[in-house]
Each structure stands twice: as C-alpha cells, then as structure tokens.
C-alpha cells in the first residue's frame, strides 16, 4: 500500500533554504513575521545578535524576546532567570531579555577580568618573593693588589702607605721601649768603665787602635739596627 508524500510548498522550500543558510542572514526588516518565527529559532546567540543589529527600521523583540530568554536560561541557569523575572514583577518593570543577556554577559566578563588581574598580581608577588630569596651575585669587583698605578696612586698605594706608617710607628715604639733603653744604658756604663781603665793605663792619651775601638763602641744602637 503506497503512502502519499506531501509535496512541500514553495514557502516551505524558502524557509528551509533560509534555515540552512541562517549564518548568512542580515537585515530581515521586510520579511513576514510568521516566516521569521520559523527561521530565527534556528539561530545561535551570535547569529541572532547579528540579525537584530543588522536590521534597520524594525523592532524584532516581539519575535526574539522569548528566544533571548531561552538563551539567558541556557547560559546563566534557570535560577538566575527566575530571580530576574521575580525582580521585574516586584518592581513592576519590564526589560528586554536581549538587554538583560548583554548586561549579564558584560558583568561576568568584568568579574572574570578582575579575577584574572588578581591572580596575575598574586603570581607576580610570588615570583618577586622567590627572586628575593635567591642568592644574588655581587657585581662589585674588588681592587686587585697586583695592579698598582705608575705614580703610586690607587688602592695599592694607600695600602703600602698605611703599611709603612705602621712599620715606622712600631719601630719608634721599639726604640722608646724600656728594654732598649736599659740595653743602651748598660752599654754606656761598660764603655765608661773601659774608658776609665784605659786612662789609668795610658795617661798621655789614646792610641789609634784605642780610639778606633772607642768610636766603634760609642754607637751601640747601630749594631741593633
């Protein structure tokens, strides 16, 4: 038994062609409302937004408002949709769901951007903390003791000057010490005694050898330094 198939009308063929190519639709200002009710439900959020923004001189909200409410519920949940509906009823105001969808999307994007900036700032602080705990190499090069200026300047000359000053100071302290003075006094007394003995032996004066020996003994500190 053969079943007769309904032959699609020209309008049905046009609607189906429009649905298949809905991504290419733009300004639909002159399209009949009953055709738009069959075509626009097949749009995505981006496609429906493009059609409404492209259509000039015609308000499509009587057709698209229920579609935007559906998109709102799919995107943000039924709880949020019911909360918005209750608030509009309490305040006795009505907003287009397209505008509510755009406002909600913008709020979420701003919140996400703030969250991203906060996370980015935390990462920066953590990186700075890690870098501050790392051992840093000293970039200051100490002066080389082997390299000295031709004229005796620079850090090397200062070091040699301070060293010679310390040596002079130590030498003076050694010469002025009690031990050195005691040794000099003992040698002086010895020389005086020897001089008295030689005078008793030779009252007429000193011989050349005696004067030479006396001159050698008269400066005891020369043999020390």
C-alpha atoms as a PDB file:
ATOM      1  CA  UNK A   1       0.000   0.000   0.000  1.00  0.00           C
ATOM      2  CA  UNK A   2       1.637   3.244  -1.108  1.00  0.00           C
ATOM      3  CA  UNK A   3       1.768   6.282   1.229  1.00  0.00           C
ATOM      4  CA  UNK A   4       1.408   9.589  -0.467  1.00  0.00           C
ATOM      5  CA  UNK A   5       4.138  12.087   0.487  1.00  0.00           C
ATOM      6  CA  UNK A   6       3.171  15.691   0.956  1.00  0.00           C
ATOM      7  CA  UNK A   7       4.783  17.842  -1.602  1.00  0.00           C
ATOM      8  CA  UNK A   8       6.497  20.838   0.125  1.00  0.00           C
ATOM      9  CA  UNK A   9       5.160  24.176  -0.854  1.00  0.00           C
ATOM     10  CA  UNK A  10       7.248  26.937  -2.263  1.00  0.00           C
ATOM     11  CA  UNK A  11       7.110  28.741   1.102  1.00  0.00           C
ATOM     12  CA  UNK A  12       8.379  25.652   2.916  1.00  0.00           C
ATOM     13  CA  UNK A  13      11.239  25.356   0.461  1.00  0.00           C
ATOM     14  CA  UNK A  14      12.143  29.010   1.007  1.00  0.00           C
ATOM     15  CA  UNK A  15      12.023  28.632   4.784  1.00  0.00           C
ATOM     16  CA  UNK A  16      14.189  25.531   4.676  1.00  0.00           C
ATOM     17  CA  UNK A  17      16.688  27.279   2.428  1.00  0.00           C
ATOM     18  CA  UNK A  18      16.812  30.239   4.849  1.00  0.00           C
ATOM     19  CA  UNK A  19      17.341  27.914   7.817  1.00  0.00           C
ATOM     20  CA  UNK A  20      20.158  26.115   6.027  1.00  0.00           C
ATOM     21  CA  UNK A  21      21.855  29.456   5.315  1.00  0.00           C
ATOM     22  CA  UNK A  22      20.902  31.295   8.514  1.00  0.00           C
ATOM     23  CA  UNK A  23      24.527  32.209   9.161  1.00  0.00           C
ATOM     24  CA  UNK A  24      24.401  34.448   6.077  1.00  0.00           C
ATOM     25  CA  UNK A  25      21.250  36.347   7.076  1.00  0.00           C
ATOM     26  CA  UNK A  26      21.457  40.029   7.906  1.00  0.00           C
ATOM     27  CA  UNK A  27      18.746  42.653   7.567  1.00  0.00           C
ATOM     28  CA  UNK A  28      15.342  40.895   7.674  1.00  0.00           C
ATOM     29  CA  UNK A  29      13.265  44.036   8.023  1.00  0.00           C
ATOM     30  CA  UNK A  30      10.857  43.200   5.187  1.00  0.00           C
ATOM     31  CA  UNK A  31      10.393  39.518   5.983  1.00  0.00           C
ATOM     32  CA  UNK A  32       6.951  38.424   7.149  1.00  0.00           C
ATOM     33  CA  UNK A  33       6.671  37.810  10.890  1.00  0.00           C
ATOM     34  CA  UNK A  34       5.289  34.267  10.501  1.00  0.00           C
ATOM     35  CA  UNK A  35       8.354  33.346   8.422  1.00  0.00           C
ATOM     36  CA  UNK A  36      10.749  34.848  10.964  1.00  0.00           C
ATOM     37  CA  UNK A  37       9.072  32.817  13.702  1.00  0.00           C
ATOM     38  CA  UNK A  38      10.049  29.696  11.758  1.00  0.00           C
ATOM     39  CA  UNK A  39      13.578  30.814  10.811  1.00  0.00           C
ATOM     40  CA  UNK A  40      15.040  32.687  13.788  1.00  0.00           C
ATOM     41  CA  UNK A  41      14.700  29.864  16.385  1.00  0.00           C
ATOM     42  CA  UNK A  42      17.435  28.071  14.431  1.00  0.00           C
ATOM     43  CA  UNK A  43      19.950  30.868  15.131  1.00  0.00           C
ATOM     44  CA  UNK A  44      22.780  30.762  17.613  1.00  0.00           C
ATOM     45  CA  UNK A  45      23.430  33.626  20.023  1.00  0.00           C
ATOM     46  CA  UNK A  46      25.925  35.242  17.654  1.00  0.00           C
ATOM     47  CA  UNK A  47      23.689  34.789  14.607  1.00  0.00           C
ATOM     48  CA  UNK A  48      20.605  36.212  16.313  1.00  0.00           C
ATOM     49  CA  UNK A  49      22.646  39.163  17.645  1.00  0.00           C
ATOM     50  CA  UNK A  50      23.955  39.855  14.132  1.00  0.00           C
ATOM     51  CA  UNK A  51      20.471  39.751  12.576  1.00  0.00           C
ATOM     52  CA  UNK A  52      19.000  42.137  15.159  1.00  0.00           C
ATOM     53  CA  UNK A  53      21.922  44.567  14.895  1.00  0.00           C
ATOM     54  CA  UNK A  54      21.771  44.478  11.094  1.00  0.00           C
ATOM     55  CA  UNK A  55      18.000  45.002  10.819  1.00  0.00           C
ATOM     56  CA  UNK A  56      17.147  48.690  10.458  1.00  0.00           C
ATOM     57  CA  UNK A  57      13.763  50.342  10.920  1.00  0.00           C
ATOM     58  CA  UNK A  58      12.138  47.367  12.613  1.00  0.00           C
ATOM     59  CA  UNK A  59      11.930  46.063  16.181  1.00  0.00           C
ATOM     60  CA  UNK A  60      12.332  42.292  16.238  1.00  0.00           C
ATOM     61  CA  UNK A  61      11.839  41.961  20.009  1.00  0.00           C
ATOM     62  CA  UNK A  62       8.213  40.663  19.693  1.00  0.00           C
ATOM     63  CA  UNK A  63       9.749  37.647  17.949  1.00  0.00           C
ATOM     64  CA  UNK A  64      13.193  37.422  19.536  1.00  0.00           C
ATOM     65  CA  UNK A  65      12.415  38.284  23.194  1.00  0.00           C
ATOM     66  CA  UNK A  66      11.359  34.728  24.045  1.00  0.00           C
ATOM     67  CA  UNK A  67      14.433  33.455  22.172  1.00  0.00           C
ATOM     68  CA  UNK A  68      16.708  35.682  24.279  1.00  0.00           C
ATOM     69  CA  UNK A  69      15.041  34.490  27.448  1.00  0.00           C
ATOM     70  CA  UNK A  70      15.804  30.931  26.367  1.00  0.00           C
ATOM     71  CA  UNK A  71      19.438  31.845  25.698  1.00  0.00           C
ATOM     72  CA  UNK A  72      19.618  33.574  29.102  1.00  0.00           C
ATOM     73  CA  UNK A  73      18.396  30.434  30.847  1.00  0.00           C
ATOM     74  CA  UNK A  74      20.788  28.201  28.923  1.00  0.00           C
ATOM     75  CA  UNK A  75      23.740  30.485  29.611  1.00  0.00           C
ATOM     76  CA  UNK A  76      23.154  31.520  33.229  1.00  0.00           C
ATOM     77  CA  UNK A  77      20.768  28.893  34.572  1.00  0.00           C
ATOM     78  CA  UNK A  78      17.080  28.668  35.419  1.00  0.00           C
ATOM     79  CA  UNK A  79      17.627  30.005  38.961  1.00  0.00           C
ATOM     80  CA  UNK A  80      19.100  33.261  37.708  1.00  0.00           C
ATOM     81  CA  UNK A  81      16.328  33.575  35.092  1.00  0.00           C
ATOM     82  CA  UNK A  82      13.594  33.122  37.690  1.00  0.00           C
ATOM     83  CA  UNK A  83      15.295  35.641  40.006  1.00  0.00           C
ATOM     84  CA  UNK A  84      15.324  38.292  37.247  1.00  0.00           C
ATOM     85  CA  UNK A  85      11.665  37.575  36.460  1.00  0.00           C
ATOM     86  CA  UNK A  86      10.679  37.942  40.116  1.00  0.00           C
ATOM     87  CA  UNK A  87      12.527  41.239  40.483  1.00  0.00           C
ATOM     88  CA  UNK A  88      10.888  42.694  37.387  1.00  0.00           C
ATOM     89  CA  UNK A  89       7.488  41.673  38.745  1.00  0.00           C
ATOM     90  CA  UNK A  90       8.213  43.183  42.170  1.00  0.00           C
ATOM     91  CA  UNK A  91       9.394  46.483  40.714  1.00  0.00           C
ATOM     92  CA  UNK A  92       6.710  46.381  38.000  1.00  0.00           C
ATOM     93  CA  UNK A  93       9.214  46.986  35.207  1.00  0.00           C
ATOM     94  CA  UNK A  94       9.959  45.103  32.042  1.00  0.00           C
ATOM     95  CA  UNK A  95      13.295  44.809  30.292  1.00  0.00           C
ATOM     96  CA  UNK A  96      14.052  43.126  27.023  1.00  0.00           C
ATOM     97  CA  UNK A  97      15.816  39.849  27.518  1.00  0.00           C
ATOM     98  CA  UNK A  98      18.334  40.803  24.886  1.00  0.00           C
ATOM     99  CA  UNK A  99      19.446  43.737  27.035  1.00  0.00           C
ATOM    100  CA  UNK A 100      19.436  41.576  30.159  1.00  0.00           C
ATOM    101  CA  UNK A 101      21.552  38.985  28.369  1.00  0.00           C
ATOM    102  CA  UNK A 102      24.081  41.617  27.248  1.00  0.00           C
ATOM    103  CA  UNK A 103      24.266  43.194  30.727  1.00  0.00           C
ATOM    104  CA  UNK A 104      24.750  39.843  32.433  1.00  0.00           C
ATOM    105  CA  UNK A 105      27.440  38.848  29.959  1.00  0.00           C
ATOM    106  CA  UNK A 106      29.267  42.136  30.493  1.00  0.00           C
ATOM    107  CA  UNK A 107      29.157  41.738  34.278  1.00  0.00           C
ATOM    108  CA  UNK A 108      30.579  38.243  34.049  1.00  0.00           C
ATOM    109  CA  UNK A 109      33.345  39.379  31.702  1.00  0.00           C
ATOM    110  CA  UNK A 110      34.304  42.199  34.066  1.00  0.00           C
ATOM    111  CA  UNK A 111      34.279  39.834  37.030  1.00  0.00           C
ATOM    112  CA  UNK A 112      36.434  37.359  35.133  1.00  0.00           C
ATOM    113  CA  UNK A 113      38.856  40.124  34.150  1.00  0.00           C
ATOM    114  CA  UNK A 114      39.139  41.272  37.770  1.00  0.00           C
ATOM    115  CA  UNK A 115      39.737  37.721  38.869  1.00  0.00           C
ATOM    116  CA  UNK A 116      42.371  37.281  36.171  1.00  0.00           C
ATOM    117  CA  UNK A 117      44.128  40.502  37.211  1.00  0.00           C
ATOM    118  CA  UNK A 118      44.051  39.426  40.864  1.00  0.00           C
ATOM    119  CA  UNK A 119      45.558  36.037  40.015  1.00  0.00           C
ATOM    120  CA  UNK A 120      48.174  37.698  37.827  1.00  0.00           C
ATOM    121  CA  UNK A 121      49.130  40.045  40.656  1.00  0.00           C
ATOM    122  CA  UNK A 122      49.457  37.108  43.048  1.00  0.00           C
ATOM    123  CA  UNK A 123      51.767  35.342  40.609  1.00  0.00           C
ATOM    124  CA  UNK A 124      53.902  38.490  40.314  1.00  0.00           C
ATOM    125  CA  UNK A 125      54.206  38.786  44.088  1.00  0.00           C
ATOM    126  CA  UNK A 126      55.121  35.119  44.379  1.00  0.00           C
ATOM    127  CA  UNK A 127      57.798  35.470  41.683  1.00  0.00           C
ATOM    128  CA  UNK A 128      59.208  38.554  43.424  1.00  0.00           C
ATOM    129  CA  UNK A 129      59.300  36.674  46.734  1.00  0.00           C
ATOM    130  CA  UNK A 130      61.154  33.751  45.165  1.00  0.00           C
ATOM    131  CA  UNK A 131      63.666  36.040  43.478  1.00  0.00           C
ATOM    132  CA  UNK A 132      64.313  37.907  46.733  1.00  0.00           C
ATOM    133  CA  UNK A 133      65.192  34.613  48.442  1.00  0.00           C
ATOM    134  CA  UNK A 134      67.691  33.616  45.784  1.00  0.00           C
ATOM    135  CA  UNK A 135      71.400  34.240  46.307  1.00  0.00           C
ATOM    136  CA  UNK A 136      72.466  37.266  44.312  1.00  0.00           C
ATOM    137  CA  UNK A 137      75.974  37.512  42.877  1.00  0.00           C
ATOM    138  CA  UNK A 138      77.994  40.578  43.862  1.00  0.00           C
ATOM    139  CA  UNK A 139      78.635  42.725  40.817  1.00  0.00           C
ATOM    140  CA  UNK A 140      81.279  44.900  42.555  1.00  0.00           C
ATOM    141  CA  UNK A 141      84.803  43.777  41.598  1.00  0.00           C
ATOM    142  CA  UNK A 142      87.332  44.128  44.453  1.00  0.00           C
ATOM    143  CA  UNK A 143      90.548  46.051  43.630  1.00  0.00           C
ATOM    144  CA  UNK A 144      93.460  43.900  42.568  1.00  0.00           C
ATOM    145  CA  UNK A 145      96.508  44.093  44.836  1.00  0.00           C
ATOM    146  CA  UNK A 146      98.866  43.127  41.986  1.00  0.00           C
ATOM    147  CA  UNK A 147      97.960  46.110  39.781  1.00  0.00           C
ATOM    148  CA  UNK A 148      99.390  49.384  41.006  1.00  0.00           C
ATOM    149  CA  UNK A 149      99.451  52.792  39.437  1.00  0.00           C
ATOM    150  CA  UNK A 150     102.656  54.043  37.819  1.00  0.00           C
ATOM    151  CA  UNK A 151     102.661  57.080  40.091  1.00  0.00           C
ATOM    152  CA  UNK A 152     101.824  55.115  43.208  1.00  0.00           C
ATOM    153  CA  UNK A 153      98.143  56.092  43.317  1.00  0.00           C
ATOM    154  CA  UNK A 154      95.090  53.960  43.790  1.00  0.00           C
ATOM    155  CA  UNK A 155      94.162  51.453  46.455  1.00  0.00           C
ATOM    156  CA  UNK A 156      97.567  49.705  46.297  1.00  0.00           C
ATOM    157  CA  UNK A 157      99.460  52.876  47.175  1.00  0.00           C
ATOM    158  CA  UNK A 158      97.137  53.582  50.074  1.00  0.00           C
ATOM    159  CA  UNK A 159      97.759  50.095  51.386  1.00  0.00           C
ATOM    160  CA  UNK A 160     101.570  50.471  51.095  1.00  0.00           C
ATOM    161  CA  UNK A 161     101.474  53.889  52.756  1.00  0.00           C
ATOM    162  CA  UNK A 162      99.468  52.575  55.664  1.00  0.00           C
ATOM    163  CA  UNK A 163     101.801  49.603  55.948  1.00  0.00           C
ATOM    164  CA  UNK A 164     104.940  51.794  56.026  1.00  0.00           C
ATOM    165  CA  UNK A 165     103.271  54.047  58.581  1.00  0.00           C
ATOM    166  CA  UNK A 166     102.575  51.096  60.825  1.00  0.00           C
ATOM    167  CA  UNK A 167     106.183  49.914  60.483  1.00  0.00           C
ATOM    168  CA  UNK A 168     107.527  53.352  61.431  1.00  0.00           C
ATOM    169  CA  UNK A 169     105.218  53.507  64.414  1.00  0.00           C
ATOM    170  CA  UNK A 170     106.300  50.047  65.550  1.00  0.00           C
ATOM    171  CA  UNK A 171     109.952  50.961  65.117  1.00  0.00           C
ATOM    172  CA  UNK A 172     109.558  54.122  67.206  1.00  0.00           C
ATOM    173  CA  UNK A 173     107.738  52.226  69.908  1.00  0.00           C
ATOM    174  CA  UNK A 174     110.548  49.660  69.932  1.00  0.00           C
ATOM    175  CA  UNK A 175     113.252  52.347  70.219  1.00  0.00           C
ATOM    176  CA  UNK A 176     111.393  54.065  73.038  1.00  0.00           C
ATOM    177  CA  UNK A 177     110.748  50.854  74.917  1.00  0.00           C
ATOM    178  CA  UNK A 178     112.232  50.273  78.343  1.00  0.00           C
ATOM    179  CA  UNK A 179     114.215  47.206  77.226  1.00  0.00           C
ATOM    180  CA  UNK A 180     116.101  49.101  74.523  1.00  0.00           C
ATOM    181  CA  UNK A 181     116.820  51.968  76.903  1.00  0.00           C
ATOM    182  CA  UNK A 182     118.155  49.531  79.534  1.00  0.00           C
ATOM    183  CA  UNK A 183     120.447  47.851  76.975  1.00  0.00           C
ATOM    184  CA  UNK A 184     121.759  51.260  75.842  1.00  0.00           C
ATOM    185  CA  UNK A 185     122.401  52.326  79.434  1.00  0.00           C
ATOM    186  CA  UNK A 186     124.280  49.097  80.184  1.00  0.00           C
ATOM    187  CA  UNK A 187     126.469  49.526  77.116  1.00  0.00           C
ATOM    188  CA  UNK A 188     127.152  53.147  78.078  1.00  0.00           C
ATOM    189  CA  UNK A 189     128.233  52.134  81.575  1.00  0.00           C
ATOM    190  CA  UNK A 190     130.506  49.467  80.149  1.00  0.00           C
ATOM    191  CA  UNK A 191     132.113  51.972  77.824  1.00  0.00           C
ATOM    192  CA  UNK A 192     132.648  54.415  80.673  1.00  0.00           C
ATOM    193  CA  UNK A 193     134.352  51.745  82.792  1.00  0.00           C
ATOM    194  CA  UNK A 194     136.560  50.664  79.917  1.00  0.00           C
ATOM    195  CA  UNK A 195     137.436  54.311  79.271  1.00  0.00           C
ATOM    196  CA  UNK A 196     138.473  54.789  82.901  1.00  0.00           C
ATOM    197  CA  UNK A 197     140.702  51.716  82.848  1.00  0.00           C
ATOM    198  CA  UNK A 198     142.431  52.754  79.629  1.00  0.00           C
ATOM    199  CA  UNK A 199     143.007  56.245  81.046  1.00  0.00           C
ATOM    200  CA  UNK A 200     144.745  54.778  84.068  1.00  0.00           C
ATOM    201  CA  UNK A 201     146.954  52.681  81.824  1.00  0.00           C
ATOM    202  CA  UNK A 202     147.891  55.458  79.421  1.00  0.00           C
ATOM    203  CA  UNK A 203     147.544  58.837  80.981  1.00  0.00           C
ATOM    204  CA  UNK A 204     149.082  60.549  77.984  1.00  0.00           C
ATOM    205  CA  UNK A 205     146.061  59.945  75.764  1.00  0.00           C
ATOM    206  CA  UNK A 206     144.567  57.341  73.444  1.00  0.00           C
ATOM    207  CA  UNK A 207     146.303  55.360  70.811  1.00  0.00           C
ATOM    208  CA  UNK A 208     144.953  54.992  67.337  1.00  0.00           C
ATOM    209  CA  UNK A 209     143.655  51.495  67.952  1.00  0.00           C
ATOM    210  CA  UNK A 210     142.015  52.534  71.218  1.00  0.00           C
ATOM    211  CA  UNK A 211     140.300  55.491  69.607  1.00  0.00           C
ATOM    212  CA  UNK A 212     139.045  53.291  66.818  1.00  0.00           C
ATOM    213  CA  UNK A 213     137.681  50.746  69.270  1.00  0.00           C
ATOM    214  CA  UNK A 214     136.124  53.516  71.332  1.00  0.00           C
ATOM    215  CA  UNK A 215     134.469  55.019  68.272  1.00  0.00           C
ATOM    216  CA  UNK A 216     133.084  51.619  67.398  1.00  0.00           C
ATOM    217  CA  UNK A 217     131.625  51.185  70.839  1.00  0.00           C
ATOM    218  CA  UNK A 218     130.237  54.708  71.160  1.00  0.00           C
ATOM    219  CA  UNK A 219     127.197  53.959  68.960  1.00  0.00           C
ATOM    220  CA  UNK A 220     125.650  50.736  70.273  1.00  0.00           C
ATOM    221  CA  UNK A 221     122.329  51.249  68.533  1.00  0.00           C
ATOM    222  CA  UNK A 222     123.892  50.999  65.082  1.00  0.00           C
ATOM    223  CA  UNK A 223     124.561  47.295  65.623  1.00  0.00           C
ATOM    224  CA  UNK A 224     120.962  46.795  66.673  1.00  0.00           C
ATOM    225  CA  UNK A 225     119.501  48.324  63.515  1.00  0.00           C
END
